[in-house]
PDB file of N, CA and C in Angstrom:
ATOM      1  N   UNK A   1      98.550  86.447 125.784  1.00  0.00           N
ATOM      2  CA  UNK A   1      97.469  85.273 125.720  1.00  0.00           C
ATOM      3  C   UNK A   1      98.559  84.499 124.403  1.00  0.00           C
ATOM      4  N   UNK A   2      97.702  83.416 123.752  1.00  0.00           N
ATOM      5  CA  UNK A   2      98.913  82.282 123.266  1.00  0.00           C
ATOM      6  C   UNK A   2      98.221  82.320 121.411  1.00  0.00           C
ATOM      7  N   UNK A   3      98.800  81.814 121.025  1.00  0.00           N
ATOM      8  CA  UNK A   3      98.609  81.896 119.505  1.00  0.00           C
ATOM      9  C   UNK A   3      97.485  81.530 119.099  1.00  0.00           C
ATOM     10  N   UNK A   4      96.603  80.534 119.917  1.00  0.00           N
ATOM     11  CA  UNK A   4      95.305  80.277 119.446  1.00  0.00           C
ATOM     12  C   UNK A   4      94.357  81.376 119.882  1.00  0.00           C
ATOM     13  N   UNK A   5      94.318  81.347 121.120  1.00  0.00           N
ATOM     14  CA  UNK A   5      93.570  81.822 121.348  1.00  0.00           C
ATOM     15  C   UNK A   5      93.863  83.681 121.017  1.00  0.00           C
ATOM     16  N   UNK A   6      94.740  84.137 120.460  1.00  0.00           N
ATOM     17  CA  UNK A   6      95.096  85.526 119.784  1.00  0.00           C
ATOM     18  C   UNK A   6      94.328  85.299 118.560  1.00  0.00           C
ATOM     19  N   UNK A   7      94.449  84.519 117.755  1.00  0.00           N
ATOM     20  CA  UNK A   7      93.772  83.652 116.265  1.00  0.00           C
ATOM     21  C   UNK A   7      92.523  83.927 116.680  1.00  0.00           C
ATOM     22  N   UNK A   8      91.462  82.948 117.704  1.00  0.00           N
ATOM     23  CA  UNK A   8      90.635  83.627 118.415  1.00  0.00           C
ATOM     24  C   UNK A   8      89.656  84.209 118.490  1.00  0.00           C
ATOM     25  N   UNK A   9      90.544  85.305 119.671  1.00  0.00           N
ATOM     26  CA  UNK A   9      90.134  86.700 119.674  1.00  0.00           C
ATOM     27  C   UNK A   9      90.033  87.558 119.057  1.00  0.00           C
ATOM     28  N   UNK A  10      90.974  88.242 117.429  1.00  0.00           N
ATOM     29  CA  UNK A  10      91.044  88.278 116.309  1.00  0.00           C
ATOM     30  C   UNK A  10      89.431  88.275 115.374  1.00  0.00           C
ATOM     31  N   UNK A  11      89.247  86.889 115.568  1.00  0.00           N
ATOM     32  CA  UNK A  11      88.430  86.246 114.627  1.00  0.00           C
ATOM     33  C   UNK A  11      86.865  86.853 115.241  1.00  0.00           C
ATOM     34  N   UNK A  12      86.900  86.628 116.575  1.00  0.00           N
ATOM     35  CA  UNK A  12      85.414  87.280 117.439  1.00  0.00           C
ATOM     36  C   UNK A  12      85.700  88.405 117.289  1.00  0.00           C
ATOM     37  N   UNK A  13      86.173  89.596 117.113  1.00  0.00           N
ATOM     38  CA  UNK A  13      86.516  90.859 116.871  1.00  0.00           C
ATOM     39  C   UNK A  13      86.259  91.295 115.388  1.00  0.00           C
ATOM     40  N   UNK A  14      86.257  90.399 114.545  1.00  0.00           N
ATOM     41  CA  UNK A  14      86.654  90.513 113.209  1.00  0.00           C
ATOM     42  C   UNK A  14      87.539  91.114 112.610  1.00  0.00           C
ATOM     43  N   UNK A  15      89.006  91.111 113.201  1.00  0.00           N
ATOM     44  CA  UNK A  15      89.898  91.704 112.761  1.00  0.00           C
ATOM     45  C   UNK A  15      90.623  90.262 111.988  1.00  0.00           C
ATOM     46  N   UNK A  16      90.974  89.899 111.160  1.00  0.00           N
ATOM     47  CA  UNK A  16      91.934  88.901 111.075  1.00  0.00           C
ATOM     48  C   UNK A  16      92.912  89.393 111.033  1.00  0.00           C
ATOM     49  N   UNK A  17      93.793  87.575 111.340  1.00  0.00           N
ATOM     50  CA  UNK A  17      94.568  87.809 111.952  1.00  0.00           C
ATOM     51  C   UNK A  17      96.034  88.366 110.951  1.00  0.00           C
ATOM     52  N   UNK A  18      96.002  88.392 109.581  1.00  0.00           N
ATOM     53  CA  UNK A  18      96.556  88.922 108.715  1.00  0.00           C
ATOM     54  C   UNK A  18      96.654  90.256 107.989  1.00  0.00           C
ATOM     55  N   UNK A  19      97.146  90.683 107.561  1.00  0.00           N
ATOM     56  CA  UNK A  19      96.612  92.168 106.624  1.00  0.00           C
ATOM     57  C   UNK A  19      95.879  91.766 105.614  1.00  0.00           C
ATOM     58  N   UNK A  20      94.463  92.016 105.446  1.00  0.00           N
ATOM     59  CA  UNK A  20      93.907  91.882 104.310  1.00  0.00           C
ATOM     60  C   UNK A  20      93.654  92.469 103.142  1.00  0.00           C
ATOM     61  N   UNK A  21      94.764  93.903 103.280  1.00  0.00           N
ATOM     62  CA  UNK A  21      95.298  94.596 102.265  1.00  0.00           C
ATOM     63  C   UNK A  21      96.827  94.681 101.681  1.00  0.00           C
ATOM     64  N   UNK A  22      97.367  93.997 102.216  1.00  0.00           N
ATOM     65  CA  UNK A  22      98.612  93.501 101.910  1.00  0.00           C
ATOM     66  C   UNK A  22      98.680  92.599 100.458  1.00  0.00           C
ATOM     67  N   UNK A  23      99.494  93.148  99.772  1.00  0.00           N
ATOM     68  CA  UNK A  23      99.531  93.205  98.258  1.00  0.00           C
ATOM     69  C   UNK A  23     101.306  92.582  97.645  1.00  0.00           C
ATOM     70  N   UNK A  24     101.331  91.422  97.424  1.00  0.00           N
ATOM     71  CA  UNK A  24     102.977  90.836  97.089  1.00  0.00           C
ATOM     72  C   UNK A  24     102.935  91.079  95.410  1.00  0.00           C
ATOM     73  N   UNK A  25     103.882  92.423  95.553  1.00  0.00           N
ATOM     74  CA  UNK A  25     104.192  92.541  94.247  1.00  0.00           C
ATOM     75  C   UNK A  25     105.423  91.647  93.666  1.00  0.00           C
ATOM     76  N   UNK A  26     104.855  91.167  92.536  1.00  0.00           N
ATOM     77  CA  UNK A  26     106.222  89.871  91.685  1.00  0.00           C
ATOM     78  C   UNK A  26     107.155  90.383  90.962  1.00  0.00           C
ATOM     79  N   UNK A  27     108.525  90.241  91.385  1.00  0.00           N
ATOM     80  CA  UNK A  27     109.872  90.735  90.820  1.00  0.00           C
ATOM     81  C   UNK A  27     109.579  91.386  89.426  1.00  0.00           C
ATOM     82  N   UNK A  28     108.979  90.462  88.715  1.00  0.00           N
ATOM     83  CA  UNK A  28     109.078  90.522  87.516  1.00  0.00           C
ATOM     84  C   UNK A  28     107.925  92.035  86.935  1.00  0.00           C
ATOM     85  N   UNK A  29     107.310  92.197  88.023  1.00  0.00           N
ATOM     86  CA  UNK A  29     107.037  93.444  88.048  1.00  0.00           C
ATOM     87  C   UNK A  29     108.500  95.173  88.019  1.00  0.00           C
ATOM     88  N   UNK A  30     108.325  95.144  88.797  1.00  0.00           N
ATOM     89  CA  UNK A  30     109.765  95.906  89.466  1.00  0.00           C
ATOM     90  C   UNK A  30     110.693  95.617  88.646  1.00  0.00           C
ATOM     91  N   UNK A  31     110.768  94.553  87.537  1.00  0.00           N
ATOM     92  CA  UNK A  31     111.894  94.779  86.637  1.00  0.00           C
ATOM     93  C   UNK A  31     111.043  95.516  85.660  1.00  0.00           C
ATOM     94  N   UNK A  32     110.300  95.242  85.129  1.00  0.00           N
ATOM     95  CA  UNK A  32     109.534  95.752  83.707  1.00  0.00           C
ATOM     96  C   UNK A  32     109.509  97.700  84.525  1.00  0.00           C
ATOM     97  N   UNK A  33     108.937  97.785  85.994  1.00  0.00           N
ATOM     98  CA  UNK A  33     109.291  98.981  86.096  1.00  0.00           C
ATOM     99  C   UNK A  33     110.437  99.630  86.293  1.00  0.00           C
ATOM    100  N   UNK A  34     111.428  99.538  86.493  1.00  0.00           N
ATOM    101  CA  UNK A  34     112.861  99.600  86.244  1.00  0.00           C
ATOM    102  C   UNK A  34     112.922  99.980  84.649  1.00  0.00           C
ATOM    103  N   UNK A  35     112.987  98.549  83.620  1.00  0.00           N
ATOM    104  CA  UNK A  35     113.220  99.400  82.208  1.00  0.00           C
ATOM    105  C   UNK A  35     111.873 100.095  81.856  1.00  0.00           C
ATOM    106  N   UNK A  36     111.153 100.484  82.510  1.00  0.00           N
ATOM    107  CA  UNK A  36     110.665 101.828  81.926  1.00  0.00           C
ATOM    108  C   UNK A  36     111.203 103.067  82.347  1.00  0.00           C
ATOM    109  N   UNK A  37     111.168 103.265  83.696  1.00  0.00           N
ATOM    110  CA  UNK A  37     112.336 104.085  83.983  1.00  0.00           C
ATOM    111  C   UNK A  37     114.052 104.395  83.436  1.00  0.00           C
ATOM    112  N   UNK A  38     114.632 103.057  83.014  1.00  0.00           N
ATOM    113  CA  UNK A  38     115.254 103.440  82.134  1.00  0.00           C
ATOM    114  C   UNK A  38     115.482 103.948  80.720  1.00  0.00           C
ATOM    115  N   UNK A  39     113.829 103.811  80.607  1.00  0.00           N
ATOM    116  CA  UNK A  39     113.692 104.123  79.128  1.00  0.00           C
ATOM    117  C   UNK A  39     113.245 105.627  78.976  1.00  0.00           C
ATOM    118  N   UNK A  40     112.576 106.118  80.165  1.00  0.00           N
ATOM    119  CA  UNK A  40     112.490 107.228  79.925  1.00  0.00           C
ATOM    120  C   UNK A  40     113.219 108.358  80.354  1.00  0.00           C
ATOM    121  N   UNK A  41     114.242 107.657  81.096  1.00  0.00           N
ATOM    122  CA  UNK A  41     115.387 108.151  81.219  1.00  0.00           C
ATOM    123  C   UNK A  41     116.171 108.510  80.194  1.00  0.00           C
ATOM    124  N   UNK A  42     116.456 107.609  78.883  1.00  0.00           N
ATOM    125  CA  UNK A  42     117.100 108.036  77.613  1.00  0.00           C
ATOM    126  C   UNK A  42     116.302 108.526  76.744  1.00  0.00           C
ATOM    127  N   UNK A  43     115.497 108.832  77.014  1.00  0.00           N
ATOM    128  CA  UNK A  43     113.912 109.513  75.910  1.00  0.00           C
ATOM    129  C   UNK A  43     114.310 111.302  76.869  1.00  0.00           C
ATOM    130  N   UNK A  44     114.874 110.807  78.186  1.00  0.00           N
ATOM    131  CA  UNK A  44     115.275 112.405  78.696  1.00  0.00           C
ATOM    132  C   UNK A  44     116.378 113.094  78.040  1.00  0.00           C
ATOM    133  N   UNK A  45     117.635 112.866  78.306  1.00  0.00           N
ATOM    134  CA  UNK A  45     118.825 112.585  77.699  1.00  0.00           C
ATOM    135  C   UNK A  45     118.440 112.634  75.823  1.00  0.00           C
ATOM    136  N   UNK A  46     117.765 112.276  75.293  1.00  0.00           N
ATOM    137  CA  UNK A  46     117.264 112.347  74.411  1.00  0.00           C
ATOM    138  C   UNK A  46     117.107 113.788  73.721  1.00  0.00           C
ATOM    139  N   UNK A  47     116.219 113.936  74.521  1.00  0.00           N
ATOM    140  CA  UNK A  47     115.180 115.839  74.703  1.00  0.00           C
ATOM    141  C   UNK A  47     116.559 116.416  74.654  1.00  0.00           C
ATOM    142  N   UNK A  48     117.367 116.497  75.722  1.00  0.00           N
ATOM    143  CA  UNK A  48     117.862 117.188  76.189  1.00  0.00           C
ATOM    144  C   UNK A  48     119.062 117.183  74.856  1.00  0.00           C
ATOM    145  N   UNK A  49     119.200 116.868  73.633  1.00  0.00           N
ATOM    146  CA  UNK A  49     119.680 117.168  73.118  1.00  0.00           C
ATOM    147  C   UNK A  49     119.149 117.600  71.594  1.00  0.00           C
ATOM    148  N   UNK A  50     117.749 117.894  71.707  1.00  0.00           N
ATOM    149  CA  UNK A  50     117.087 118.503  70.612  1.00  0.00           C
ATOM    150  C   UNK A  50     116.790 120.115  71.259  1.00  0.00           C
ATOM    151  N   UNK A  51     116.122 120.628  69.928  1.00  0.00           N
ATOM    152  CA  UNK A  51     116.759 122.450  69.794  1.00  0.00           C
ATOM    153  C   UNK A  51     114.987 122.865  69.930  1.00  0.00           C
ATOM    154  N   UNK A  52     114.685 123.316  71.178  1.00  0.00           N
ATOM    155  CA  UNK A  52     112.810 122.985  70.974  1.00  0.00           C
ATOM    156  C   UNK A  52     112.604 124.762  71.854  1.00  0.00           C
ATOM    157  N   UNK A  53     113.202 125.305  71.710  1.00  0.00           N
ATOM    158  CA  UNK A  53     113.046 126.361  72.205  1.00  0.00           C
ATOM    159  C   UNK A  53     112.468 126.491  73.836  1.00  0.00           C
ATOM    160  N   UNK A  54     111.070 127.033  73.524  1.00  0.00           N
ATOM    161  CA  UNK A  54     110.967 127.411  74.647  1.00  0.00           C
ATOM    162  C   UNK A  54     110.290 125.746  75.776  1.00  0.00           C
ATOM    163  N   UNK A  55     110.279 124.983  74.409  1.00  0.00           N
ATOM    164  CA  UNK A  55     109.322 123.754  75.138  1.00  0.00           C
ATOM    165  C   UNK A  55     110.580 122.840  75.941  1.00  0.00           C
ATOM    166  N   UNK A  56     111.530 123.320  75.767  1.00  0.00           N
ATOM    167  CA  UNK A  56     112.853 122.125  76.554  1.00  0.00           C
ATOM    168  C   UNK A  56     112.385 121.968  77.729  1.00  0.00           C
ATOM    169  N   UNK A  57     111.930 122.559  78.806  1.00  0.00           N
ATOM    170  CA  UNK A  57     111.772 122.854  80.027  1.00  0.00           C
ATOM    171  C   UNK A  57     110.412 122.066  80.102  1.00  0.00           C
ATOM    172  N   UNK A  58     109.349 122.274  79.273  1.00  0.00           N
ATOM    173  CA  UNK A  58     108.414 121.807  79.633  1.00  0.00           C
ATOM    174  C   UNK A  58     108.341 120.500  79.081  1.00  0.00           C
ATOM    175  N   UNK A  59     108.755 120.067  78.017  1.00  0.00           N
ATOM    176  CA  UNK A  59     109.204 118.340  77.602  1.00  0.00           C
ATOM    177  C   UNK A  59     109.682 117.591  78.956  1.00  0.00           C
ATOM    178  N   UNK A  60     110.849 118.276  79.311  1.00  0.00           N
ATOM    179  CA  UNK A  60     111.558 117.300  80.641  1.00  0.00           C
ATOM    180  C   UNK A  60     110.639 117.610  81.664  1.00  0.00           C
ATOM    181  N   UNK A  61     110.142 118.501  82.616  1.00  0.00           N
ATOM    182  CA  UNK A  61     109.134 118.430  83.419  1.00  0.00           C
ATOM    183  C   UNK A  61     107.762 117.255  83.272  1.00  0.00           C
ATOM    184  N   UNK A  62     107.470 117.013  81.718  1.00  0.00           N
ATOM    185  CA  UNK A  62     106.158 116.198  81.526  1.00  0.00           C
ATOM    186  C   UNK A  62     106.669 114.741  81.656  1.00  0.00           C
ATOM    187  N   UNK A  63     108.284 114.608  81.503  1.00  0.00           N
ATOM    188  CA  UNK A  63     108.817 113.204  81.169  1.00  0.00           C
ATOM    189  C   UNK A  63     108.892 113.036  82.672  1.00  0.00           C
ATOM    190  N   UNK A  64     109.705 113.888  83.803  1.00  0.00           N
ATOM    191  CA  UNK A  64     109.885 113.981  85.241  1.00  0.00           C
ATOM    192  C   UNK A  64     108.618 113.810  86.109  1.00  0.00           C
ATOM    193  N   UNK A  65     107.579 114.176  85.512  1.00  0.00           N
ATOM    194  CA  UNK A  65     106.282 114.288  86.318  1.00  0.00           C
ATOM    195  C   UNK A  65     105.807 112.673  86.003  1.00  0.00           C
ATOM    196  N   UNK A  66     106.525 112.271  84.544  1.00  0.00           N
ATOM    197  CA  UNK A  66     105.623 110.292  83.959  1.00  0.00           C
ATOM    198  C   UNK A  66     106.650 109.664  85.073  1.00  0.00           C
ATOM    199  N   UNK A  67     108.079 110.396  85.498  1.00  0.00           N
ATOM    200  CA  UNK A  67     109.049 108.933  85.791  1.00  0.00           C
ATOM    201  C   UNK A  67     108.372 109.342  87.530  1.00  0.00           C
ATOM    202  N   UNK A  68     107.786 110.004  88.048  1.00  0.00           N
ATOM    203  CA  UNK A  68     107.797 110.304  89.469  1.00  0.00           C
ATOM    204  C   UNK A  68     106.111 110.250  89.607  1.00  0.00           C
ATOM    205  N   UNK A  69     105.401 109.880  89.030  1.00  0.00           N
ATOM    206  CA  UNK A  69     104.259 109.509  89.001  1.00  0.00           C
ATOM    207  C   UNK A  69     104.364 107.739  89.062  1.00  0.00           C
ATOM    208  N   UNK A  70     104.948 107.051  87.925  1.00  0.00           N
ATOM    209  CA  UNK A  70     105.630 105.311  88.236  1.00  0.00           C
ATOM    210  C   UNK A  70     105.806 105.239  89.764  1.00  0.00           C
ATOM    211  N   UNK A  71     107.341 106.297  89.956  1.00  0.00           N
ATOM    212  CA  UNK A  71     107.780 105.739  91.895  1.00  0.00           C
ATOM    213  C   UNK A  71     106.840 106.152  92.685  1.00  0.00           C
ATOM    214  N   UNK A  72     106.039 106.972  92.434  1.00  0.00           N
ATOM    215  CA  UNK A  72     105.204 106.928  93.434  1.00  0.00           C
ATOM    216  C   UNK A  72     103.894 105.791  93.461  1.00  0.00           C
ATOM    217  N   UNK A  73     103.536 104.926  92.306  1.00  0.00           N
ATOM    218  CA  UNK A  73     102.301 104.372  91.808  1.00  0.00           C
ATOM    219  C   UNK A  73     103.199 102.627  92.525  1.00  0.00           C
ATOM    220  N   UNK A  74     104.344 102.717  92.287  1.00  0.00           N
ATOM    221  CA  UNK A  74     104.820 101.230  91.985  1.00  0.00           C
ATOM    222  C   UNK A  74     106.221 101.432  93.211  1.00  0.00           C
ATOM    223  N   UNK A  75     106.592 101.816  93.039  1.00  0.00           N
ATOM    224  CA  UNK A  75     107.799 101.199  93.953  1.00  0.00           C
ATOM    225  C   UNK A  75     106.864 102.130  95.808  1.00  0.00           C
ATOM    226  N   UNK A  76     106.549 102.449  95.880  1.00  0.00           N
ATOM    227  CA  UNK A  76     105.890 103.496  96.907  1.00  0.00           C
ATOM    228  C   UNK A  76     104.557 102.810  97.146  1.00  0.00           C
ATOM    229  N   UNK A  77     103.881 101.863  96.474  1.00  0.00           N
ATOM    230  CA  UNK A  77     102.916 100.853  96.781  1.00  0.00           C
ATOM    231  C   UNK A  77     101.998 101.870  96.444  1.00  0.00           C
ATOM    232  N   UNK A  78     101.547 103.396  96.130  1.00  0.00           N
ATOM    233  CA  UNK A  78     100.103 103.483  96.586  1.00  0.00           C
ATOM    234  C   UNK A  78      99.307 102.826  94.982  1.00  0.00           C
ATOM    235  N   UNK A  79      99.810 102.109  94.570  1.00  0.00           N
ATOM    236  CA  UNK A  79      98.205 101.425  93.581  1.00  0.00           C
ATOM    237  C   UNK A  79      97.513 100.921  94.226  1.00  0.00           C
ATOM    238  N   UNK A  80      98.588  99.887  94.918  1.00  0.00           N
ATOM    239  CA  UNK A  80      97.594  98.908  95.817  1.00  0.00           C
ATOM    240  C   UNK A  80      97.362  99.031  97.179  1.00  0.00           C
ATOM    241  N   UNK A  81      97.953 100.357  97.828  1.00  0.00           N
ATOM    242  CA  UNK A  81      97.324 100.979  98.791  1.00  0.00           C
ATOM    243  C   UNK A  81      95.790 101.243  99.187  1.00  0.00           C
ATOM    244  N   UNK A  82      95.589 101.959 100.137  1.00  0.00           N
ATOM    245  CA  UNK A  82      93.721 101.739 100.450  1.00  0.00           C
ATOM    246  C   UNK A  82      93.519 103.059  99.594  1.00  0.00           C
ATOM    247  N   UNK A  83      91.815 103.415 100.192  1.00  0.00           N
ATOM    248  CA  UNK A  83      91.460 104.549  99.205  1.00  0.00           C
ATOM    249  C   UNK A  83      92.167 105.455 100.279  1.00  0.00           C
ATOM    250  N   UNK A  84      92.451 105.556 101.245  1.00  0.00           N
ATOM    251  CA  UNK A  84      92.783 107.118 102.277  1.00  0.00           C
ATOM    252  C   UNK A  84      94.379 107.390 101.930  1.00  0.00           C
ATOM    253  N   UNK A  85      95.080 106.024 101.265  1.00  0.00           N
ATOM    254  CA  UNK A  85      96.162 106.525 101.303  1.00  0.00           C
ATOM    255  C   UNK A  85      96.373 107.101 100.018  1.00  0.00           C
ATOM    256  N   UNK A  86      95.384 107.196  99.075  1.00  0.00           N
ATOM    257  CA  UNK A  86      95.060 107.256  97.297  1.00  0.00           C
ATOM    258  C   UNK A  86      95.009 109.005  97.478  1.00  0.00           C
ATOM    259  N   UNK A  87      93.860 108.906  98.642  1.00  0.00           N
ATOM    260  CA  UNK A  87      92.900 110.319  98.879  1.00  0.00           C
ATOM    261  C   UNK A  87      94.461 111.211  99.503  1.00  0.00           C
ATOM    262  N   UNK A  88      95.217 110.888 100.742  1.00  0.00           N
ATOM    263  CA  UNK A  88      96.333 111.345 101.203  1.00  0.00           C
ATOM    264  C   UNK A  88      97.808 111.731 100.058  1.00  0.00           C
ATOM    265  N   UNK A  89      97.974 111.233  98.678  1.00  0.00           N
ATOM    266  CA  UNK A  89      98.465 111.474  98.095  1.00  0.00           C
ATOM    267  C   UNK A  89      98.380 112.500  97.128  1.00  0.00           C
ATOM    268  N   UNK A  90      96.593 112.450  96.811  1.00  0.00           N
ATOM    269  CA  UNK A  90      96.260 113.314  96.028  1.00  0.00           C
ATOM    270  C   UNK A  90      95.994 114.601  96.601  1.00  0.00           C
ATOM    271  N   UNK A  91      95.832 114.500  98.121  1.00  0.00           N
ATOM    272  CA  UNK A  91      95.557 115.784  99.123  1.00  0.00           C
ATOM    273  C   UNK A  91      96.926 116.156  98.681  1.00  0.00           C
ATOM    274  N   UNK A  92      97.837 115.842  99.252  1.00  0.00           N
ATOM    275  CA  UNK A  92      99.696 116.230  98.912  1.00  0.00           C
ATOM    276  C   UNK A  92      99.437 116.849  97.468  1.00  0.00           C
ATOM    277  N   UNK A  93      99.353 116.091  96.423  1.00  0.00           N
ATOM    278  CA  UNK A  93     100.045 117.258  94.723  1.00  0.00           C
ATOM    279  C   UNK A  93      98.559 117.964  94.837  1.00  0.00           C
ATOM    280  N   UNK A  94      97.676 118.132  94.947  1.00  0.00           N
ATOM    281  CA  UNK A  94      96.924 119.174  95.047  1.00  0.00           C
ATOM    282  C   UNK A  94      97.500 120.235  95.675  1.00  0.00           C
ATOM    283  N   UNK A  95      97.538 120.373  96.955  1.00  0.00           N
ATOM    284  CA  UNK A  95      98.787 121.481  97.507  1.00  0.00           C
ATOM    285  C   UNK A  95     100.023 121.858  97.460  1.00  0.00           C
ATOM    286  N   UNK A  96     100.568 121.019  96.879  1.00  0.00           N
ATOM    287  CA  UNK A  96     101.416 121.068  95.800  1.00  0.00           C
ATOM    288  C   UNK A  96     101.596 122.234  94.719  1.00  0.00           C
ATOM    289  N   UNK A  97     100.180 121.721  93.939  1.00  0.00           N
ATOM    290  CA  UNK A  97     100.318 122.552  93.187  1.00  0.00           C
ATOM    291  C   UNK A  97      99.564 123.951  92.953  1.00  0.00           C
ATOM    292  N   UNK A  98      98.565 123.855  94.334  1.00  0.00           N
ATOM    293  CA  UNK A  98      98.221 124.925  94.511  1.00  0.00           C
ATOM    294  C   UNK A  98      98.908 125.974  95.135  1.00  0.00           C
ATOM    295  N   UNK A  99     100.101 125.565  95.279  1.00  0.00           N
ATOM    296  CA  UNK A  99     101.508 126.789  96.011  1.00  0.00           C
ATOM    297  C   UNK A  99     102.313 127.316  94.819  1.00  0.00           C
ATOM    298  N   UNK A 100     102.608 126.156  93.917  1.00  0.00           N
ATOM    299  CA  UNK A 100     102.830 126.594  92.480  1.00  0.00           C
ATOM    300  C   UNK A 100     102.232 127.635  91.453  1.00  0.00           C
ATOM    301  N   UNK A 101     100.653 127.216  91.909  1.00  0.00           N
ATOM    302  CA  UNK A 101      99.830 128.511  91.148  1.00  0.00           C
ATOM    303  C   UNK A 101      99.972 129.816  91.646  1.00  0.00           C
ATOM    304  N   UNK A 102     100.047 129.666  93.241  1.00  0.00           N
ATOM    305  CA  UNK A 102      99.481 130.954  93.660  1.00  0.00           C
ATOM    306  C   UNK A 102     101.226 131.659  93.240  1.00  0.00           C
ATOM    307  N   UNK A 103     102.302 130.812  93.365  1.00  0.00           N
ATOM    308  CA  UNK A 103     103.734 131.246  93.678  1.00  0.00           C
ATOM    309  C   UNK A 103     104.009 132.075  91.914  1.00  0.00           C
ATOM    310  N   UNK A 104     103.460 131.192  90.690  1.00  0.00           N
ATOM    311  CA  UNK A 104     103.135 131.872  89.780  1.00  0.00           C
ATOM    312  C   UNK A 104     101.704 133.188  89.419  1.00  0.00           C
ATOM    313  N   UNK A 105     101.102 133.206  89.432  1.00  0.00           N
ATOM    314  CA  UNK A 105     100.072 134.320  90.134  1.00  0.00           C
ATOM    315  C   UNK A 105     100.873 135.071  90.528  1.00  0.00           C
ATOM    316  N   UNK A 106     101.556 135.271  91.597  1.00  0.00           N
ATOM    317  CA  UNK A 106     102.612 136.260  92.172  1.00  0.00           C
ATOM    318  C   UNK A 106     103.587 136.764  90.934  1.00  0.00           C
ATOM    319  N   UNK A 107     104.281 136.296  90.784  1.00  0.00           N
ATOM    320  CA  UNK A 107     105.038 136.351  89.152  1.00  0.00           C
ATOM    321  C   UNK A 107     104.760 136.986  88.906  1.00  0.00           C
ATOM    322  N   UNK A 108     103.441 136.471  88.193  1.00  0.00           N
ATOM    323  CA  UNK A 108     102.809 136.728  86.320  1.00  0.00           C
ATOM    324  C   UNK A 108     102.418 138.607  86.838  1.00  0.00           C
ATOM    325  N   UNK A 109     102.241 138.385  88.360  1.00  0.00           N
ATOM    326  CA  UNK A 109     101.518 139.951  87.874  1.00  0.00           C
ATOM    327  C   UNK A 109     101.636 141.331  88.572  1.00  0.00           C
ATOM    328  N   UNK A 110     103.366 140.886  88.860  1.00  0.00           N
ATOM    329  CA  UNK A 110     104.003 141.836  88.907  1.00  0.00           C
ATOM    330  C   UNK A 110     104.841 142.494  87.901  1.00  0.00           C
ATOM    331  N   UNK A 111     104.600 143.740  88.228  1.00  0.00           N
ATOM    332  CA  UNK A 111     105.251 144.959  87.379  1.00  0.00           C
ATOM    333  C   UNK A 111     106.749 145.185  86.966  1.00  0.00           C
ATOM    334  N   UNK A 112     107.218 144.111  86.161  1.00  0.00           N
ATOM    335  CA  UNK A 112     108.356 144.550  86.251  1.00  0.00           C
ATOM    336  C   UNK A 112     109.181 145.255  85.693  1.00  0.00           C
ATOM    337  N   UNK A 113     109.896 146.060  85.878  1.00  0.00           N
ATOM    338  CA  UNK A 113     110.725 146.978  85.203  1.00  0.00           C
ATOM    339  C   UNK A 113     109.806 148.628  85.102  1.00  0.00           C
ATOM    340  N   UNK A 114     108.516 148.838  85.810  1.00  0.00           N
ATOM    341  CA  UNK A 114     107.400 149.694  85.919  1.00  0.00           C
ATOM    342  C   UNK A 114     107.458 150.347  87.328  1.00  0.00           C
ATOM    343  N   UNK A 115     108.909 150.648  88.072  1.00  0.00           N
ATOM    344  CA  UNK A 115     108.633 151.319  88.957  1.00  0.00           C
ATOM    345  C   UNK A 115     109.518 151.998  88.886  1.00  0.00           C
TER     346      UNK A 115
END
């Protein structure tokens, strides 16, 4: 089918010639996001030198989760994606958290040293 006929065929069937959901991210956003990630990396290094006892891994994991969220939202373009993509990412996170909760439930309910 030639290009003019293809365009007319797409308009008649309700399909756009170009992806309507395509979002072009300006390079400035990538520079900002990269800078934020570098700042959080510096915060991670700084926090590793603090003596916070049992809170050291909690702080490190919190910073890592923030950085992972930024990467997923901007570099994987989930922020600009459809609701179905966001739902799929959310379902994956929910499944991961469920598996972690089940593992921790097993771990905490074991009779350590009582056998």
